[in-house]
Amino acid sequence: MYIDDMIDKISKDVEGVHITPTRSVNTLLYADDITVLAKTIEDARDIMRSLETYCAEEHLSINAGKTRYMLIYKHRKGKRSR
């Protein structure tokens, strides 16, 4: 119903993460769930702002109680996390 328009809006704003040298992805969708993929926290915030704007314009809402985030990063050789 609204999903194509929403994905178009989000895709115009932030590139996402590269899955090949020429292709990137910034969202994964399953039923009514959306996973946002971004290289940086700033990019993730930009995607969320776009999503919030779209939802407000279409009279939809984001369930903040079900919203979670996860940071994934590579350790660099010689660096240790504490």
N, C-alpha and C. Protein backbone atom coordinates (compact mmCIF):
# COMPACT_ATOMS: atom_id res chain seq x y z
N MET A 1 0.82 -1.18 0.00
CA MET A 1 0.00 0.00 0.00
C MET A 1 0.88 1.25 0.00
N TYR A 2 1.62 1.53 1.07
CA TYR A 2 2.47 2.71 1.15
C TYR A 2 3.95 2.37 1.00
N ILE A 3 4.29 1.12 1.05
CA ILE A 3 5.68 0.71 1.23
C ILE A 3 6.59 1.18 0.10
N ASP A 4 6.13 1.11 -1.15
CA ASP A 4 6.98 1.53 -2.27
C ASP A 4 7.35 3.00 -2.17
N ASP A 5 6.37 3.85 -1.87
CA ASP A 5 6.64 5.28 -1.72
C ASP A 5 7.61 5.55 -0.58
N MET A 6 7.42 4.83 0.53
CA MET A 6 8.28 5.02 1.69
C MET A 6 9.72 4.64 1.36
N ILE A 7 9.91 3.50 0.72
CA ILE A 7 11.26 3.05 0.38
C ILE A 7 11.90 4.01 -0.62
N ASP A 8 11.14 4.51 -1.58
CA ASP A 8 11.69 5.50 -2.52
C ASP A 8 12.18 6.73 -1.79
N LYS A 9 11.40 7.23 -0.83
CA LYS A 9 11.80 8.43 -0.07
C LYS A 9 13.07 8.17 0.73
N ILE A 10 13.12 7.06 1.43
CA ILE A 10 14.29 6.74 2.25
C ILE A 10 15.52 6.55 1.37
N SER A 11 15.36 5.87 0.25
CA SER A 11 16.50 5.57 -0.62
C SER A 11 17.12 6.82 -1.23
N LYS A 12 16.31 7.85 -1.44
CA LYS A 12 16.84 9.10 -1.99
C LYS A 12 17.70 9.85 -0.98
N ASP A 13 17.44 9.63 0.31
CA ASP A 13 18.10 10.41 1.35
C ASP A 13 19.44 9.84 1.81
N VAL A 14 19.55 8.52 1.92
CA VAL A 14 20.77 7.90 2.45
C VAL A 14 21.10 6.65 1.65
N GLU A 15 22.38 6.50 1.33
CA GLU A 15 22.82 5.40 0.49
C GLU A 15 22.67 4.02 1.16
N GLY A 16 23.01 3.88 2.41
CA GLY A 16 22.95 2.59 3.09
C GLY A 16 24.31 1.92 3.14
N VAL A 17 24.32 0.60 3.17
CA VAL A 17 25.58 -0.15 3.21
C VAL A 17 25.77 -0.88 1.90
N HIS A 18 27.01 -0.97 1.45
CA HIS A 18 27.31 -1.64 0.18
C HIS A 18 27.29 -3.15 0.36
N ILE A 19 26.54 -3.83 -0.52
CA ILE A 19 26.55 -5.29 -0.53
C ILE A 19 27.37 -5.80 -1.70
N THR A 20 27.60 -4.94 -2.69
CA THR A 20 28.54 -5.18 -3.79
C THR A 20 29.17 -3.82 -4.08
N PRO A 21 30.19 -3.77 -4.90
CA PRO A 21 30.79 -2.46 -5.19
C PRO A 21 29.82 -1.44 -5.81
N THR A 22 28.77 -1.92 -6.47
CA THR A 22 27.85 -0.99 -7.14
C THR A 22 26.43 -0.98 -6.57
N ARG A 23 26.17 -1.77 -5.55
CA ARG A 23 24.81 -1.84 -5.01
C ARG A 23 24.84 -1.64 -3.50
N SER A 24 23.89 -0.82 -3.03
CA SER A 24 23.77 -0.61 -1.58
C SER A 24 22.32 -0.86 -1.14
N VAL A 25 22.17 -1.12 0.16
CA VAL A 25 20.86 -1.40 0.75
C VAL A 25 20.74 -0.56 2.01
N ASN A 26 19.58 0.08 2.21
CA ASN A 26 19.40 0.82 3.46
C ASN A 26 18.20 0.36 4.27
N THR A 27 17.42 -0.57 3.73
CA THR A 27 16.30 -1.13 4.49
C THR A 27 16.08 -2.60 4.14
N LEU A 28 15.64 -3.36 5.12
CA LEU A 28 15.16 -4.72 4.92
C LEU A 28 13.74 -4.75 5.44
N LEU A 29 12.84 -5.37 4.70
CA LEU A 29 11.42 -5.36 5.05
C LEU A 29 10.90 -6.77 5.20
N TYR A 30 10.06 -6.97 6.23
CA TYR A 30 9.36 -8.22 6.42
C TYR A 30 8.04 -7.92 7.10
N ALA A 31 6.94 -8.22 6.41
CA ALA A 31 5.60 -7.92 6.92
C ALA A 31 5.53 -6.44 7.30
N ASP A 32 5.27 -6.12 8.57
CA ASP A 32 5.20 -4.71 8.98
C ASP A 32 6.45 -4.26 9.74
N ASP A 33 7.53 -5.01 9.58
CA ASP A 33 8.80 -4.67 10.24
C ASP A 33 9.78 -4.09 9.23
N ILE A 34 10.55 -3.12 9.68
CA ILE A 34 11.58 -2.48 8.85
C ILE A 34 12.90 -2.51 9.61
N THR A 35 13.94 -2.96 8.96
CA THR A 35 15.29 -2.88 9.51
C THR A 35 16.05 -1.84 8.71
N VAL A 36 16.64 -0.88 9.40
CA VAL A 36 17.40 0.20 8.78
C VAL A 36 18.87 -0.17 8.81
N LEU A 37 19.55 -0.05 7.67
CA LEU A 37 20.98 -0.33 7.57
C LEU A 37 21.72 0.95 7.20
N ALA A 38 22.75 1.27 7.95
CA ALA A 38 23.50 2.49 7.69
C ALA A 38 24.96 2.29 8.09
N LYS A 39 25.84 3.04 7.43
CA LYS A 39 27.27 2.97 7.75
C LYS A 39 27.60 3.69 9.04
N THR A 40 26.88 4.75 9.33
CA THR A 40 27.18 5.57 10.51
C THR A 40 25.91 5.85 11.30
N ILE A 41 26.09 6.26 12.53
CA ILE A 41 24.96 6.68 13.36
C ILE A 41 24.23 7.85 12.71
N GLU A 42 24.99 8.77 12.13
CA GLU A 42 24.38 9.94 11.48
C GLU A 42 23.49 9.50 10.32
N ASP A 43 23.97 8.54 9.51
CA ASP A 43 23.15 8.02 8.40
C ASP A 43 21.89 7.34 8.93
N ALA A 44 22.01 6.57 10.00
CA ALA A 44 20.85 5.91 10.59
C ALA A 44 19.84 6.96 11.08
N ARG A 45 20.33 8.02 11.68
CA ARG A 45 19.43 9.10 12.14
C ARG A 45 18.75 9.76 10.95
N ASP A 46 19.49 9.97 9.86
CA ASP A 46 18.90 10.57 8.66
C ASP A 46 17.79 9.68 8.09
N ILE A 47 18.03 8.37 8.05
CA ILE A 47 17.01 7.45 7.56
C ILE A 47 15.79 7.50 8.47
N MET A 48 16.01 7.50 9.78
CA MET A 48 14.88 7.54 10.72
C MET A 48 14.10 8.85 10.58
N ARG A 49 14.81 9.97 10.36
CA ARG A 49 14.11 11.24 10.15
C ARG A 49 13.23 11.17 8.89
N SER A 50 13.78 10.60 7.83
CA SER A 50 13.00 10.44 6.59
C SER A 50 11.79 9.55 6.83
N LEU A 51 11.99 8.48 7.56
CA LEU A 51 10.90 7.57 7.87
C LEU A 51 9.83 8.26 8.72
N GLU A 52 10.26 9.01 9.73
CA GLU A 52 9.32 9.75 10.58
C GLU A 52 8.53 10.77 9.77
N THR A 53 9.21 11.49 8.88
CA THR A 53 8.54 12.48 8.03
C THR A 53 7.51 11.81 7.14
N TYR A 54 7.91 10.72 6.51
CA TYR A 54 6.99 10.00 5.64
C TYR A 54 5.77 9.52 6.44
N CYS A 55 6.00 8.93 7.59
CA CYS A 55 4.90 8.42 8.42
C CYS A 55 3.95 9.55 8.83
N ALA A 56 4.49 10.69 9.20
CA ALA A 56 3.65 11.82 9.60
C ALA A 56 2.78 12.29 8.42
N GLU A 57 3.38 12.37 7.23
CA GLU A 57 2.63 12.80 6.04
C GLU A 57 1.52 11.82 5.68
N GLU A 58 1.74 10.55 5.93
CA GLU A 58 0.76 9.50 5.55
C GLU A 58 -0.12 9.07 6.73
N HIS A 59 -0.01 9.78 7.85
CA HIS A 59 -0.81 9.48 9.06
C HIS A 59 -0.53 8.07 9.58
N LEU A 60 0.74 7.69 9.56
CA LEU A 60 1.20 6.42 10.10
C LEU A 60 2.02 6.71 11.34
N SER A 61 2.33 5.70 12.12
CA SER A 61 3.15 5.93 13.30
C SER A 61 4.20 4.83 13.44
N ILE A 62 5.27 5.17 14.13
CA ILE A 62 6.33 4.22 14.46
C ILE A 62 6.13 3.84 15.92
N ASN A 63 6.12 2.56 16.20
CA ASN A 63 5.93 2.09 17.56
C ASN A 63 7.27 2.18 18.30
N ALA A 64 7.46 3.25 19.04
CA ALA A 64 8.73 3.46 19.75
C ALA A 64 9.03 2.35 20.75
N GLY A 65 8.00 1.74 21.30
CA GLY A 65 8.19 0.65 22.26
C GLY A 65 8.79 -0.60 21.64
N LYS A 66 8.65 -0.75 20.33
CA LYS A 66 9.22 -1.91 19.64
C LYS A 66 10.49 -1.56 18.87
N THR A 67 10.92 -0.32 18.96
CA THR A 67 12.09 0.14 18.21
C THR A 67 13.37 -0.18 18.96
N ARG A 68 14.32 -0.80 18.28
CA ARG A 68 15.62 -1.17 18.86
C ARG A 68 16.73 -0.78 17.90
N TYR A 69 17.94 -0.73 18.41
CA TYR A 69 19.08 -0.50 17.52
C TYR A 69 20.23 -1.40 17.94
N MET A 70 21.12 -1.65 16.98
CA MET A 70 22.29 -2.48 17.23
C MET A 70 23.44 -1.89 16.41
N LEU A 71 24.58 -1.76 17.05
CA LEU A 71 25.79 -1.30 16.37
C LEU A 71 26.66 -2.52 16.05
N ILE A 72 27.10 -2.59 14.83
CA ILE A 72 27.98 -3.68 14.41
C ILE A 72 29.20 -3.04 13.78
N TYR A 73 30.38 -3.47 14.20
CA TYR A 73 31.59 -2.92 13.63
C TYR A 73 32.68 -3.96 13.64
N LYS A 74 33.66 -3.73 12.79
CA LYS A 74 34.81 -4.62 12.72
C LYS A 74 35.88 -4.13 13.67
N HIS A 75 36.51 -5.06 14.36
CA HIS A 75 37.69 -4.70 15.15
C HIS A 75 38.86 -4.53 14.21
N ARG A 76 39.64 -3.52 14.46
CA ARG A 76 40.85 -3.33 13.66
C ARG A 76 41.98 -4.10 14.30
N LYS A 77 42.86 -4.59 13.49
CA LYS A 77 44.02 -5.33 14.02
C LYS A 77 44.79 -4.42 14.97
N GLY A 78 45.20 -4.98 16.08
CA GLY A 78 45.99 -4.23 17.05
C GLY A 78 45.14 -3.42 18.02
N LYS A 79 43.85 -3.31 17.78
CA LYS A 79 42.98 -2.57 18.70
C LYS A 79 42.14 -3.56 19.47
N ARG A 80 41.95 -3.27 20.73
CA ARG A 80 41.11 -4.12 21.57
C ARG A 80 40.01 -3.28 22.18
N SER A 81 38.84 -3.86 22.26
CA SER A 81 37.76 -3.12 22.92
C SER A 81 37.80 -3.45 24.41
N ARG A 82 37.33 -2.54 25.20
CA ARG A 82 37.33 -2.74 26.64
C ARG A 82 35.94 -2.87 27.14
